[in-house]
Amino acid sequence: MTDDDQTAEANGIRASYEVVDGERRLSFETTDASEGARAGSTAAIAQNLEGYAMLKVRPTAAGDELERYYGFDMALDHVGELLGVSPCELPVPEAAADMGM
């Protein structure tokens, strides 16, 4: 993996993917409130390394779990709500594209 496939930025949102503490983490942070996102908002999706467990949505990468989902699209919907944007606007780094599969 390279940094290029672990980060993405679009629509005033920065996304970064990492493997930490036995799980895959996709973190989102708003960078520009003018695009409709809530200024300074964060959210994250986590999954165990095996990739078979449910996806956990958190307010931050290391935060407490808010909800669990089977599908990546459902987890992205929740992240979109937390950030105040449509889930279609969320950038997803290439390395994280297979989460929830």
N, C-alpha and C. Protein backbone atom coordinates (compact mmCIF):
# COMPACT_ATOMS: atom_id res chain seq x y z
N MET A 1 0.83 -1.19 0.00
CA MET A 1 0.00 0.00 0.00
C MET A 1 0.87 1.25 0.00
N THR A 2 0.37 2.26 -0.65
CA THR A 2 1.06 3.54 -0.66
C THR A 2 0.17 4.59 -0.02
N ASP A 3 0.74 5.73 0.30
CA ASP A 3 -0.07 6.82 0.86
C ASP A 3 -1.17 7.23 -0.09
N ASP A 4 -0.90 7.13 -1.39
CA ASP A 4 -1.89 7.53 -2.39
C ASP A 4 -3.15 6.69 -2.31
N ASP A 5 -3.04 5.41 -2.00
CA ASP A 5 -4.25 4.59 -1.93
C ASP A 5 -4.82 4.52 -0.51
N GLN A 6 -4.20 5.22 0.45
CA GLN A 6 -4.70 5.22 1.82
C GLN A 6 -5.37 6.53 2.21
N THR A 7 -5.35 7.52 1.35
CA THR A 7 -6.01 8.79 1.63
C THR A 7 -6.81 9.24 0.42
N ALA A 8 -7.83 10.03 0.69
CA ALA A 8 -8.64 10.62 -0.37
C ALA A 8 -9.26 11.89 0.19
N GLU A 9 -9.48 12.86 -0.68
CA GLU A 9 -10.09 14.11 -0.25
C GLU A 9 -11.02 14.61 -1.34
N ALA A 10 -12.24 14.99 -0.94
CA ALA A 10 -13.22 15.54 -1.87
C ALA A 10 -14.36 16.16 -1.07
N ASN A 11 -15.02 17.13 -1.67
CA ASN A 11 -16.22 17.72 -1.08
C ASN A 11 -16.03 18.24 0.33
N GLY A 12 -14.84 18.73 0.64
CA GLY A 12 -14.58 19.26 1.97
C GLY A 12 -14.38 18.21 3.04
N ILE A 13 -14.06 16.98 2.61
CA ILE A 13 -13.88 15.86 3.55
C ILE A 13 -12.58 15.14 3.21
N ARG A 14 -11.79 14.85 4.23
CA ARG A 14 -10.56 14.08 4.09
C ARG A 14 -10.80 12.70 4.70
N ALA A 15 -10.42 11.66 3.98
CA ALA A 15 -10.55 10.29 4.46
C ALA A 15 -9.17 9.66 4.51
N SER A 16 -8.93 8.88 5.57
CA SER A 16 -7.66 8.16 5.66
C SER A 16 -7.91 6.75 6.18
N TYR A 17 -7.15 5.82 5.63
CA TYR A 17 -7.27 4.41 5.96
C TYR A 17 -5.99 3.95 6.64
N GLU A 18 -6.14 3.14 7.69
CA GLU A 18 -4.97 2.58 8.36
C GLU A 18 -5.34 1.25 9.00
N VAL A 19 -4.32 0.45 9.27
CA VAL A 19 -4.48 -0.79 10.01
C VAL A 19 -3.79 -0.58 11.35
N VAL A 20 -4.58 -0.66 12.44
CA VAL A 20 -4.08 -0.37 13.79
C VAL A 20 -4.79 -1.28 14.79
N ASP A 21 -4.04 -1.77 15.76
CA ASP A 21 -4.62 -2.54 16.87
C ASP A 21 -5.55 -3.66 16.41
N GLY A 22 -5.16 -4.38 15.38
CA GLY A 22 -5.94 -5.53 14.93
C GLY A 22 -7.19 -5.20 14.15
N GLU A 23 -7.30 -3.97 13.66
CA GLU A 23 -8.47 -3.64 12.86
C GLU A 23 -8.13 -2.66 11.74
N ARG A 24 -8.99 -2.67 10.76
CA ARG A 24 -8.90 -1.72 9.66
C ARG A 24 -9.74 -0.51 10.05
N ARG A 25 -9.20 0.69 9.84
CA ARG A 25 -9.92 1.90 10.22
C ARG A 25 -9.96 2.88 9.06
N LEU A 26 -11.15 3.37 8.79
CA LEU A 26 -11.36 4.40 7.79
C LEU A 26 -11.91 5.62 8.53
N SER A 27 -11.11 6.67 8.59
CA SER A 27 -11.48 7.88 9.34
C SER A 27 -11.81 9.01 8.40
N PHE A 28 -12.81 9.80 8.78
CA PHE A 28 -13.24 10.95 8.00
C PHE A 28 -13.15 12.20 8.85
N GLU A 29 -12.78 13.31 8.22
CA GLU A 29 -12.70 14.60 8.90
C GLU A 29 -13.13 15.68 7.92
N THR A 30 -14.01 16.57 8.37
CA THR A 30 -14.40 17.67 7.49
C THR A 30 -13.28 18.69 7.46
N THR A 31 -13.02 19.21 6.28
CA THR A 31 -11.97 20.21 6.12
C THR A 31 -12.51 21.54 5.64
N ASP A 32 -13.74 21.56 5.14
CA ASP A 32 -14.29 22.78 4.57
C ASP A 32 -15.80 22.80 4.77
N ALA A 33 -16.27 23.58 5.72
CA ALA A 33 -17.70 23.65 6.02
C ALA A 33 -18.48 24.29 4.88
N SER A 34 -17.82 25.01 3.99
CA SER A 34 -18.54 25.66 2.90
C SER A 34 -19.14 24.66 1.92
N GLU A 35 -18.68 23.43 1.94
CA GLU A 35 -19.21 22.39 1.07
C GLU A 35 -20.46 21.72 1.67
N GLY A 36 -20.92 22.19 2.81
CA GLY A 36 -22.12 21.63 3.43
C GLY A 36 -21.84 20.73 4.61
N ALA A 37 -20.61 20.32 4.78
CA ALA A 37 -20.25 19.46 5.91
C ALA A 37 -20.21 20.29 7.19
N ARG A 38 -20.47 19.64 8.31
CA ARG A 38 -20.37 20.31 9.60
C ARG A 38 -18.90 20.55 9.92
N ALA A 39 -18.54 21.78 10.18
CA ALA A 39 -17.14 22.14 10.44
C ALA A 39 -16.56 21.35 11.61
N GLY A 40 -15.37 20.78 11.42
CA GLY A 40 -14.67 20.08 12.48
C GLY A 40 -15.24 18.72 12.85
N SER A 41 -16.14 18.19 12.06
CA SER A 41 -16.75 16.89 12.37
C SER A 41 -15.82 15.74 12.02
N THR A 42 -15.92 14.66 12.78
CA THR A 42 -15.16 13.45 12.49
C THR A 42 -16.07 12.24 12.62
N ALA A 43 -15.69 11.17 11.96
CA ALA A 43 -16.39 9.89 12.07
C ALA A 43 -15.42 8.82 11.57
N ALA A 44 -15.67 7.58 11.94
CA ALA A 44 -14.80 6.49 11.52
C ALA A 44 -15.58 5.20 11.38
N ILE A 45 -15.05 4.33 10.53
CA ILE A 45 -15.59 2.98 10.37
C ILE A 45 -14.44 2.02 10.68
N ALA A 46 -14.71 1.01 11.48
CA ALA A 46 -13.68 0.03 11.85
C ALA A 46 -14.18 -1.38 11.57
N GLN A 47 -13.24 -2.25 11.21
CA GLN A 47 -13.55 -3.65 10.92
C GLN A 47 -12.35 -4.49 11.35
N ASN A 48 -12.61 -5.71 11.84
CA ASN A 48 -11.47 -6.55 12.23
C ASN A 48 -10.65 -6.92 11.01
N LEU A 49 -9.43 -7.33 11.21
CA LEU A 49 -8.53 -7.64 10.10
C LEU A 49 -9.00 -8.77 9.22
N GLU A 50 -9.75 -9.71 9.77
CA GLU A 50 -10.24 -10.83 8.98
C GLU A 50 -11.30 -10.37 7.99
N GLY A 51 -11.95 -9.25 8.27
CA GLY A 51 -12.93 -8.70 7.35
C GLY A 51 -14.30 -9.34 7.40
N TYR A 52 -14.53 -10.25 8.34
CA TYR A 52 -15.82 -10.94 8.38
C TYR A 52 -16.76 -10.37 9.43
N ALA A 53 -16.27 -9.53 10.30
CA ALA A 53 -17.11 -8.98 11.36
C ALA A 53 -17.89 -7.78 10.84
N MET A 54 -18.86 -7.38 11.62
CA MET A 54 -19.64 -6.20 11.26
C MET A 54 -18.76 -4.95 11.33
N LEU A 55 -19.16 -3.96 10.57
CA LEU A 55 -18.47 -2.68 10.57
C LEU A 55 -18.97 -1.84 11.74
N LYS A 56 -18.07 -1.20 12.45
CA LYS A 56 -18.42 -0.38 13.60
C LYS A 56 -18.27 1.10 13.22
N VAL A 57 -19.32 1.87 13.45
CA VAL A 57 -19.23 3.32 13.22
C VAL A 57 -18.96 3.98 14.55
N ARG A 58 -17.97 4.90 14.54
CA ARG A 58 -17.54 5.60 15.75
C ARG A 58 -17.46 7.11 15.47
N PRO A 59 -17.51 7.92 16.50
CA PRO A 59 -17.36 9.37 16.28
C PRO A 59 -15.92 9.75 15.93
N THR A 60 -14.94 8.94 16.36
CA THR A 60 -13.53 9.10 16.01
C THR A 60 -12.95 7.69 15.84
N ALA A 61 -11.75 7.60 15.30
CA ALA A 61 -11.14 6.28 15.06
C ALA A 61 -11.02 5.46 16.33
N ALA A 62 -10.69 6.10 17.44
CA ALA A 62 -10.51 5.38 18.71
C ALA A 62 -11.71 5.53 19.64
N GLY A 63 -12.77 6.15 19.16
CA GLY A 63 -13.95 6.42 19.99
C GLY A 63 -14.79 5.18 20.26
N ASP A 64 -15.80 5.38 21.09
CA ASP A 64 -16.74 4.30 21.40
C ASP A 64 -17.67 4.03 20.22
N GLU A 65 -18.00 2.79 20.06
CA GLU A 65 -18.88 2.36 18.97
C GLU A 65 -20.26 2.99 19.11
N LEU A 66 -20.78 3.52 18.00
CA LEU A 66 -22.14 4.07 17.98
C LEU A 66 -23.14 3.05 17.44
N GLU A 67 -22.73 2.30 16.43
CA GLU A 67 -23.62 1.35 15.77
C GLU A 67 -22.78 0.36 14.97
N ARG A 68 -23.38 -0.82 14.68
CA ARG A 68 -22.73 -1.83 13.84
C ARG A 68 -23.59 -2.10 12.61
N TYR A 69 -22.91 -2.36 11.50
CA TYR A 69 -23.60 -2.62 10.24
C TYR A 69 -22.94 -3.78 9.52
N TYR A 70 -23.73 -4.52 8.74
CA TYR A 70 -23.19 -5.58 7.90
C TYR A 70 -22.62 -5.01 6.61
N GLY A 71 -23.25 -3.99 6.08
CA GLY A 71 -22.84 -3.45 4.79
C GLY A 71 -22.06 -2.16 4.88
N PHE A 72 -21.08 -2.02 4.00
CA PHE A 72 -20.26 -0.81 3.94
C PHE A 72 -21.14 0.40 3.59
N ASP A 73 -22.09 0.20 2.66
CA ASP A 73 -22.95 1.32 2.27
C ASP A 73 -23.78 1.83 3.44
N MET A 74 -24.23 0.94 4.30
CA MET A 74 -25.01 1.36 5.47
C MET A 74 -24.14 2.12 6.46
N ALA A 75 -22.90 1.67 6.63
CA ALA A 75 -21.96 2.37 7.52
C ALA A 75 -21.65 3.76 6.95
N LEU A 76 -21.47 3.86 5.63
CA LEU A 76 -21.24 5.16 5.01
C LEU A 76 -22.43 6.09 5.16
N ASP A 77 -23.64 5.54 5.11
CA ASP A 77 -24.85 6.36 5.35
C ASP A 77 -24.78 7.00 6.72
N HIS A 78 -24.42 6.22 7.73
CA HIS A 78 -24.34 6.73 9.10
C HIS A 78 -23.24 7.79 9.21
N VAL A 79 -22.10 7.55 8.60
CA VAL A 79 -21.00 8.53 8.60
C VAL A 79 -21.47 9.82 7.95
N GLY A 80 -22.18 9.72 6.84
CA GLY A 80 -22.71 10.90 6.18
C GLY A 80 -23.61 11.71 7.10
N GLU A 81 -24.46 11.03 7.86
CA GLU A 81 -25.32 11.72 8.83
C GLU A 81 -24.49 12.43 9.89
N LEU A 82 -23.46 11.77 10.39
CA LEU A 82 -22.61 12.37 11.42
C LEU A 82 -21.88 13.62 10.92
N LEU A 83 -21.48 13.59 9.65
CA LEU A 83 -20.74 14.71 9.08
C LEU A 83 -21.64 15.77 8.45
N GLY A 84 -22.91 15.43 8.25
CA GLY A 84 -23.84 16.38 7.65
C GLY A 84 -23.74 16.46 6.14
N VAL A 85 -23.39 15.34 5.50
CA VAL A 85 -23.28 15.29 4.04
C VAL A 85 -23.95 14.03 3.51
N SER A 86 -24.20 14.01 2.23
CA SER A 86 -24.70 12.81 1.58
C SER A 86 -23.60 11.76 1.57
N PRO A 87 -23.93 10.49 1.78
CA PRO A 87 -22.90 9.46 1.74
C PRO A 87 -22.22 9.38 0.36
N CYS A 88 -22.89 9.84 -0.68
CA CYS A 88 -22.29 9.85 -2.02
C CYS A 88 -21.12 10.83 -2.11
N GLU A 89 -21.05 11.79 -1.21
CA GLU A 89 -19.99 12.79 -1.21
C GLU A 89 -18.74 12.33 -0.46
N LEU A 90 -18.82 11.20 0.24
CA LEU A 90 -17.69 10.74 1.03
C LEU A 90 -16.60 10.14 0.15
N PRO A 91 -15.38 10.65 0.25
CA PRO A 91 -14.29 10.03 -0.49
C PRO A 91 -13.86 8.75 0.21
N VAL A 92 -13.58 7.72 -0.57
CA VAL A 92 -13.14 6.44 0.00
C VAL A 92 -11.80 6.07 -0.65
N PRO A 93 -10.75 6.01 0.16
CA PRO A 93 -9.44 5.62 -0.38
C PRO A 93 -9.50 4.23 -1.00
N GLU A 94 -8.70 4.00 -2.02
CA GLU A 94 -8.68 2.72 -2.71
C GLU A 94 -8.46 1.54 -1.76
N ALA A 95 -7.58 1.70 -0.77
CA ALA A 95 -7.27 0.61 0.17
C ALA A 95 -8.47 0.21 1.02
N ALA A 96 -9.46 1.08 1.16
CA ALA A 96 -10.62 0.80 2.00
C ALA A 96 -11.85 0.39 1.20
N ALA A 97 -11.75 0.37 -0.11
CA ALA A 97 -12.91 0.12 -0.97
C ALA A 97 -13.56 -1.23 -0.74
N ASP A 98 -12.83 -2.21 -0.21
CA ASP A 98 -13.39 -3.55 -0.01
C ASP A 98 -13.88 -3.80 1.42
N MET A 99 -13.96 -2.77 2.24
CA MET A 99 -14.45 -2.97 3.61
C MET A 99 -15.90 -3.44 3.56
N GLY A 100 -16.26 -4.36 4.45
CA GLY A 100 -17.61 -4.87 4.50
C GLY A 100 -17.89 -5.98 3.53
N MET A 101 -16.89 -6.40 2.76
CA MET A 101 -17.09 -7.46 1.78
C MET A 101 -16.77 -8.80 2.38
